[in-house]
Amino acid sequence: MIHNNQEKGLLGEKLAAQYLQAHGYEILASRYRTRYGEADLVARIQDTLVFVEVKARTNTKHGTPAEAVTAKKQKNATMAAMAYLQQNGCMDALCRFDVVEVFLPGGQICHITNAFDACM
C-alpha cells in the first residue's frame, strides 16, 4: 500500500526505470537534482540522451499524469538537462524530453516520447 506522495513517486520512478531498461534504454542517472531543476531519470537509447519526467497517479480525477507536467516543470527539466549536459561534457549530444505515466496500483505504463521541447 502506498502511504504518501513520496512513496508513490519513488515507486513510479522505479517502475519507469524498469520499463525503459526492458525497452533498451540505459539508465544513466535517477533523481538527478541541481539547484536549477531536476530530472527524474536520465537515460540513453542509441545516440540520444533522454531526460524523463515520471508521473505516477492512482486516478485521473485531476487529469492524466502527463497533464501534471506544467510549463514550470518543463522549464525545471530543461535547466536540469542543461546542467547535466555541461557537467558531463556532452553539450552537443542529441537529447529529448519524455514523460512516463505510471498508473498505480497496477503499474501500467504509458511512455510519451518527445513529450515537450526544451524551454527556458
N, C-alpha and C. Protein backbone atom coordinates (compact mmCIF):
# COMPACT_ATOMS: atom_id res chain seq x y z
N MET A 1 0.84 -1.19 0.00
CA MET A 1 0.00 0.00 0.00
C MET A 1 0.88 1.25 0.00
N ILE A 2 0.49 2.22 -0.79
CA ILE A 2 1.23 3.47 -0.89
C ILE A 2 0.69 4.43 0.16
N HIS A 3 1.58 4.96 0.99
CA HIS A 3 1.14 5.79 2.11
C HIS A 3 1.22 7.29 1.85
N ASN A 4 2.10 7.71 0.95
CA ASN A 4 2.21 9.15 0.71
C ASN A 4 2.73 9.41 -0.70
N ASN A 5 2.75 10.67 -1.08
CA ASN A 5 3.15 11.04 -2.43
C ASN A 5 4.61 10.71 -2.72
N GLN A 6 5.47 10.81 -1.68
CA GLN A 6 6.88 10.49 -1.89
C GLN A 6 7.05 9.01 -2.23
N GLU A 7 6.36 8.14 -1.51
CA GLU A 7 6.41 6.71 -1.81
C GLU A 7 5.87 6.43 -3.21
N LYS A 8 4.79 7.12 -3.56
CA LYS A 8 4.19 6.95 -4.89
C LYS A 8 5.20 7.37 -5.96
N GLY A 9 5.87 8.48 -5.74
CA GLY A 9 6.85 8.96 -6.71
C GLY A 9 8.03 8.02 -6.86
N LEU A 10 8.54 7.53 -5.73
CA LEU A 10 9.68 6.60 -5.78
C LEU A 10 9.31 5.30 -6.49
N LEU A 11 8.12 4.79 -6.20
CA LEU A 11 7.66 3.57 -6.86
C LEU A 11 7.49 3.82 -8.36
N GLY A 12 6.91 4.96 -8.71
CA GLY A 12 6.74 5.31 -10.12
C GLY A 12 8.06 5.38 -10.85
N GLU A 13 9.07 6.00 -10.22
CA GLU A 13 10.39 6.12 -10.84
C GLU A 13 11.03 4.74 -11.01
N LYS A 14 10.87 3.88 -10.02
CA LYS A 14 11.43 2.53 -10.10
C LYS A 14 10.78 1.75 -11.25
N LEU A 15 9.46 1.80 -11.33
CA LEU A 15 8.74 1.09 -12.40
C LEU A 15 9.08 1.66 -13.77
N ALA A 16 9.20 2.98 -13.86
CA ALA A 16 9.55 3.62 -15.13
C ALA A 16 10.95 3.20 -15.57
N ALA A 17 11.90 3.17 -14.64
CA ALA A 17 13.27 2.76 -14.97
C ALA A 17 13.29 1.31 -15.47
N GLN A 18 12.55 0.44 -14.80
CA GLN A 18 12.49 -0.96 -15.22
C GLN A 18 11.89 -1.08 -16.62
N TYR A 19 10.84 -0.32 -16.87
CA TYR A 19 10.19 -0.33 -18.18
C TYR A 19 11.17 0.12 -19.26
N LEU A 20 11.85 1.24 -19.01
CA LEU A 20 12.78 1.77 -20.01
C LEU A 20 13.92 0.78 -20.27
N GLN A 21 14.47 0.19 -19.21
CA GLN A 21 15.54 -0.78 -19.39
C GLN A 21 15.07 -1.98 -20.21
N ALA A 22 13.86 -2.42 -19.97
CA ALA A 22 13.31 -3.55 -20.72
C ALA A 22 13.12 -3.21 -22.20
N HIS A 23 13.07 -1.91 -22.50
CA HIS A 23 12.89 -1.46 -23.88
C HIS A 23 14.19 -0.91 -24.48
N GLY A 24 15.32 -1.30 -23.90
CA GLY A 24 16.61 -0.98 -24.50
C GLY A 24 17.29 0.28 -24.04
N TYR A 25 16.73 0.98 -23.07
CA TYR A 25 17.34 2.20 -22.55
C TYR A 25 18.37 1.85 -21.48
N GLU A 26 19.43 2.64 -21.42
CA GLU A 26 20.40 2.55 -20.33
C GLU A 26 20.10 3.71 -19.38
N ILE A 27 19.90 3.41 -18.11
CA ILE A 27 19.64 4.45 -17.12
C ILE A 27 20.99 5.01 -16.67
N LEU A 28 21.20 6.30 -16.88
CA LEU A 28 22.46 6.95 -16.52
C LEU A 28 22.38 7.62 -15.15
N ALA A 29 21.20 8.10 -14.79
CA ALA A 29 21.03 8.78 -13.50
C ALA A 29 19.57 8.71 -13.11
N SER A 30 19.35 8.68 -11.82
CA SER A 30 17.98 8.77 -11.35
C SER A 30 17.93 9.83 -10.26
N ARG A 31 16.82 10.56 -10.26
CA ARG A 31 16.64 11.67 -9.31
C ARG A 31 17.80 12.67 -9.42
N TYR A 32 18.13 13.04 -10.65
CA TYR A 32 19.21 14.00 -10.90
C TYR A 32 18.73 15.39 -10.50
N ARG A 33 19.38 15.95 -9.50
CA ARG A 33 18.95 17.24 -8.94
C ARG A 33 20.06 18.28 -9.06
N THR A 34 19.68 19.48 -9.40
CA THR A 34 20.58 20.63 -9.37
C THR A 34 19.82 21.77 -8.69
N ARG A 35 20.50 22.84 -8.44
CA ARG A 35 19.79 23.98 -7.85
C ARG A 35 18.87 24.64 -8.87
N TYR A 36 19.04 24.28 -10.13
CA TYR A 36 18.24 24.88 -11.20
C TYR A 36 17.01 24.08 -11.58
N GLY A 37 17.04 22.79 -11.29
CA GLY A 37 15.92 21.94 -11.68
C GLY A 37 16.24 20.49 -11.43
N GLU A 38 15.38 19.62 -11.91
CA GLU A 38 15.57 18.19 -11.67
C GLU A 38 15.07 17.38 -12.86
N ALA A 39 15.64 16.18 -12.96
CA ALA A 39 15.18 15.19 -13.94
C ALA A 39 14.99 13.89 -13.16
N ASP A 40 13.82 13.30 -13.28
CA ASP A 40 13.56 12.06 -12.55
C ASP A 40 14.50 10.96 -13.01
N LEU A 41 14.68 10.83 -14.32
CA LEU A 41 15.59 9.83 -14.89
C LEU A 41 16.35 10.46 -16.05
N VAL A 42 17.60 10.06 -16.19
CA VAL A 42 18.38 10.40 -17.38
C VAL A 42 18.74 9.06 -17.99
N ALA A 43 18.41 8.90 -19.26
CA ALA A 43 18.63 7.61 -19.93
C ALA A 43 19.28 7.85 -21.28
N ARG A 44 19.76 6.75 -21.85
CA ARG A 44 20.30 6.82 -23.21
C ARG A 44 19.72 5.66 -24.01
N ILE A 45 19.33 5.98 -25.22
CA ILE A 45 18.96 4.94 -26.18
C ILE A 45 19.67 5.29 -27.47
N GLN A 46 20.47 4.36 -27.96
CA GLN A 46 21.32 4.58 -29.12
C GLN A 46 22.16 5.82 -28.87
N ASP A 47 22.06 6.83 -29.72
CA ASP A 47 22.90 8.03 -29.55
C ASP A 47 22.13 9.22 -28.98
N THR A 48 21.01 8.96 -28.33
CA THR A 48 20.16 10.04 -27.80
C THR A 48 20.09 9.99 -26.28
N LEU A 49 20.35 11.12 -25.64
CA LEU A 49 20.12 11.26 -24.20
C LEU A 49 18.65 11.62 -24.00
N VAL A 50 18.03 10.98 -23.03
CA VAL A 50 16.61 11.19 -22.79
C VAL A 50 16.43 11.63 -21.34
N PHE A 51 15.84 12.79 -21.15
CA PHE A 51 15.52 13.31 -19.83
C PHE A 51 14.05 12.99 -19.59
N VAL A 52 13.80 12.23 -18.54
CA VAL A 52 12.48 11.64 -18.33
C VAL A 52 11.81 12.23 -17.09
N GLU A 53 10.62 12.73 -17.29
CA GLU A 53 9.76 13.16 -16.18
C GLU A 53 8.80 12.00 -15.93
N VAL A 54 8.78 11.51 -14.70
CA VAL A 54 7.91 10.40 -14.33
C VAL A 54 6.76 10.95 -13.50
N LYS A 55 5.56 10.57 -13.88
CA LYS A 55 4.38 10.98 -13.13
C LYS A 55 3.56 9.75 -12.78
N ALA A 56 3.42 9.51 -11.49
CA ALA A 56 2.64 8.36 -11.00
C ALA A 56 1.33 8.87 -10.43
N ARG A 57 0.25 8.18 -10.76
CA ARG A 57 -1.07 8.57 -10.28
C ARG A 57 -1.88 7.33 -9.92
N THR A 58 -2.74 7.49 -8.94
CA THR A 58 -3.65 6.41 -8.57
C THR A 58 -5.01 6.58 -9.24
N ASN A 59 -5.28 7.78 -9.78
CA ASN A 59 -6.52 8.01 -10.52
C ASN A 59 -6.32 9.22 -11.43
N THR A 60 -7.29 9.47 -12.27
CA THR A 60 -7.18 10.60 -13.21
C THR A 60 -8.24 11.67 -12.95
N LYS A 61 -8.75 11.73 -11.73
CA LYS A 61 -9.79 12.74 -11.46
C LYS A 61 -9.28 14.17 -11.59
N HIS A 62 -7.96 14.36 -11.50
CA HIS A 62 -7.38 15.70 -11.69
C HIS A 62 -6.62 15.77 -13.01
N GLY A 63 -6.94 14.88 -13.94
CA GLY A 63 -6.28 14.85 -15.24
C GLY A 63 -5.28 13.71 -15.33
N THR A 64 -4.73 13.55 -16.51
CA THR A 64 -3.75 12.48 -16.71
C THR A 64 -2.43 12.87 -16.05
N PRO A 65 -1.58 11.90 -15.80
CA PRO A 65 -0.28 12.23 -15.22
C PRO A 65 0.50 13.22 -16.08
N ALA A 66 0.48 13.05 -17.39
CA ALA A 66 1.24 13.94 -18.27
C ALA A 66 0.75 15.39 -18.16
N GLU A 67 -0.52 15.57 -17.88
CA GLU A 67 -1.05 16.94 -17.74
C GLU A 67 -0.47 17.65 -16.52
N ALA A 68 0.13 16.89 -15.61
CA ALA A 68 0.76 17.49 -14.43
C ALA A 68 2.16 18.03 -14.74
N VAL A 69 2.65 17.79 -15.95
CA VAL A 69 3.96 18.31 -16.34
C VAL A 69 3.72 19.73 -16.88
N THR A 70 3.67 20.65 -15.96
CA THR A 70 3.35 22.05 -16.26
C THR A 70 4.52 22.74 -16.97
N ALA A 71 4.26 23.94 -17.45
CA ALA A 71 5.32 24.73 -18.09
C ALA A 71 6.48 24.95 -17.12
N LYS A 72 6.17 25.17 -15.85
CA LYS A 72 7.23 25.35 -14.84
C LYS A 72 8.07 24.08 -14.71
N LYS A 73 7.43 22.91 -14.68
CA LYS A 73 8.17 21.65 -14.58
C LYS A 73 8.99 21.41 -15.84
N GLN A 74 8.46 21.81 -16.99
CA GLN A 74 9.22 21.67 -18.23
C GLN A 74 10.46 22.56 -18.19
N LYS A 75 10.31 23.76 -17.67
CA LYS A 75 11.46 24.67 -17.55
C LYS A 75 12.49 24.08 -16.59
N ASN A 76 12.04 23.56 -15.45
CA ASN A 76 12.96 22.94 -14.49
C ASN A 76 13.69 21.76 -15.11
N ALA A 77 12.97 20.94 -15.87
CA ALA A 77 13.60 19.79 -16.53
C ALA A 77 14.63 20.26 -17.55
N THR A 78 14.33 21.33 -18.27
CA THR A 78 15.27 21.89 -19.24
C THR A 78 16.53 22.38 -18.54
N MET A 79 16.37 23.06 -17.43
CA MET A 79 17.52 23.57 -16.68
C MET A 79 18.37 22.42 -16.15
N ALA A 80 17.72 21.37 -15.66
CA ALA A 80 18.46 20.20 -15.18
C ALA A 80 19.21 19.54 -16.33
N ALA A 81 18.56 19.45 -17.49
CA ALA A 81 19.21 18.85 -18.65
C ALA A 81 20.44 19.66 -19.06
N MET A 82 20.33 20.96 -19.07
CA MET A 82 21.48 21.81 -19.42
C MET A 82 22.62 21.59 -18.43
N ALA A 83 22.30 21.52 -17.15
CA ALA A 83 23.33 21.27 -16.13
C ALA A 83 23.97 19.91 -16.34
N TYR A 84 23.17 18.90 -16.63
CA TYR A 84 23.69 17.55 -16.85
C TYR A 84 24.62 17.53 -18.06
N LEU A 85 24.19 18.16 -19.15
CA LEU A 85 25.00 18.19 -20.36
C LEU A 85 26.33 18.89 -20.12
N GLN A 86 26.30 20.02 -19.42
CA GLN A 86 27.54 20.75 -19.11
C GLN A 86 28.43 19.92 -18.19
N GLN A 87 27.86 19.37 -17.15
CA GLN A 87 28.62 18.62 -16.15
C GLN A 87 29.29 17.39 -16.76
N ASN A 88 28.67 16.82 -17.77
CA ASN A 88 29.18 15.59 -18.36
C ASN A 88 29.85 15.80 -19.72
N GLY A 89 30.07 17.06 -20.08
CA GLY A 89 30.80 17.38 -21.30
C GLY A 89 30.15 16.87 -22.57
N CYS A 90 28.84 16.94 -22.61
CA CYS A 90 28.14 16.42 -23.80
C CYS A 90 27.12 17.43 -24.33
N MET A 91 27.55 18.68 -24.42
CA MET A 91 26.65 19.74 -24.86
C MET A 91 26.16 19.55 -26.30
N ASP A 92 26.88 18.77 -27.09
CA ASP A 92 26.47 18.55 -28.48
C ASP A 92 25.63 17.30 -28.66
N ALA A 93 25.28 16.65 -27.57
CA ALA A 93 24.53 15.39 -27.65
C ALA A 93 23.10 15.64 -28.15
N LEU A 94 22.59 14.67 -28.88
CA LEU A 94 21.17 14.68 -29.22
C LEU A 94 20.41 14.40 -27.93
N CYS A 95 19.35 15.13 -27.70
CA CYS A 95 18.57 14.85 -26.49
C CYS A 95 17.10 15.16 -26.73
N ARG A 96 16.29 14.59 -25.85
CA ARG A 96 14.85 14.83 -25.93
C ARG A 96 14.28 14.70 -24.52
N PHE A 97 13.02 15.11 -24.40
CA PHE A 97 12.30 15.05 -23.13
C PHE A 97 11.10 14.14 -23.28
N ASP A 98 11.06 13.12 -22.45
CA ASP A 98 9.95 12.16 -22.45
C ASP A 98 9.19 12.27 -21.13
N VAL A 99 7.97 11.79 -21.15
CA VAL A 99 7.17 11.63 -19.93
C VAL A 99 6.77 10.17 -19.85
N VAL A 100 6.94 9.59 -18.67
CA VAL A 100 6.44 8.24 -18.43
C VAL A 100 5.34 8.35 -17.39
N GLU A 101 4.14 7.97 -17.79
CA GLU A 101 2.99 7.93 -16.88
C GLU A 101 2.94 6.54 -16.25
N VAL A 102 2.80 6.51 -14.93
CA VAL A 102 2.67 5.23 -14.22
C VAL A 102 1.34 5.26 -13.48
N PHE A 103 0.50 4.31 -13.81
CA PHE A 103 -0.82 4.22 -13.18
C PHE A 103 -0.77 3.16 -12.08
N LEU A 104 -0.99 3.60 -10.86
CA LEU A 104 -0.93 2.71 -9.70
C LEU A 104 -2.33 2.39 -9.23
N PRO A 105 -2.54 1.27 -8.58
CA PRO A 105 -1.52 0.37 -8.05
C PRO A 105 -1.02 -0.66 -9.05
N GLY A 106 -1.63 -0.80 -10.20
CA GLY A 106 -1.26 -1.88 -11.12
C GLY A 106 0.07 -1.73 -11.81
N GLY A 107 0.57 -0.50 -11.92
CA GLY A 107 1.86 -0.26 -12.56
C GLY A 107 1.81 -0.19 -14.07
N GLN A 108 0.63 0.09 -14.64
CA GLN A 108 0.56 0.25 -16.10
C GLN A 108 1.37 1.48 -16.50
N ILE A 109 2.04 1.37 -17.65
CA ILE A 109 2.95 2.41 -18.11
C ILE A 109 2.48 2.97 -19.45
N CYS A 110 2.56 4.29 -19.58
CA CYS A 110 2.37 4.95 -20.87
C CYS A 110 3.61 5.84 -21.08
N HIS A 111 4.40 5.52 -22.11
CA HIS A 111 5.64 6.25 -22.40
C HIS A 111 5.38 7.22 -23.54
N ILE A 112 5.53 8.50 -23.26
CA ILE A 112 5.31 9.55 -24.26
C ILE A 112 6.67 10.09 -24.67
N THR A 113 7.11 9.73 -25.88
CA THR A 113 8.41 10.22 -26.36
C THR A 113 8.24 11.62 -26.92
N ASN A 114 9.31 12.41 -26.80
CA ASN A 114 9.28 13.81 -27.27
C ASN A 114 8.06 14.53 -26.71
N ALA A 115 7.83 14.38 -25.43
CA ALA A 115 6.63 14.93 -24.79
C ALA A 115 6.60 16.46 -24.80
N PHE A 116 7.77 17.07 -24.72
CA PHE A 116 7.84 18.53 -24.78
C PHE A 116 9.21 18.95 -25.28
N ASP A 117 9.28 20.19 -25.73
CA ASP A 117 10.54 20.76 -26.21
C ASP A 117 11.24 21.48 -25.07
N ALA A 118 12.55 21.61 -25.21
CA ALA A 118 13.32 22.38 -24.23
C ALA A 118 12.79 23.80 -24.18
N CYS A 119 12.71 24.35 -22.99
CA CYS A 119 12.23 25.73 -22.84
C CYS A 119 13.04 26.42 -21.76
N MET A 120 13.16 27.71 -21.89
CA MET A 120 13.93 28.48 -20.91
C MET A 120 13.07 29.50 -20.23
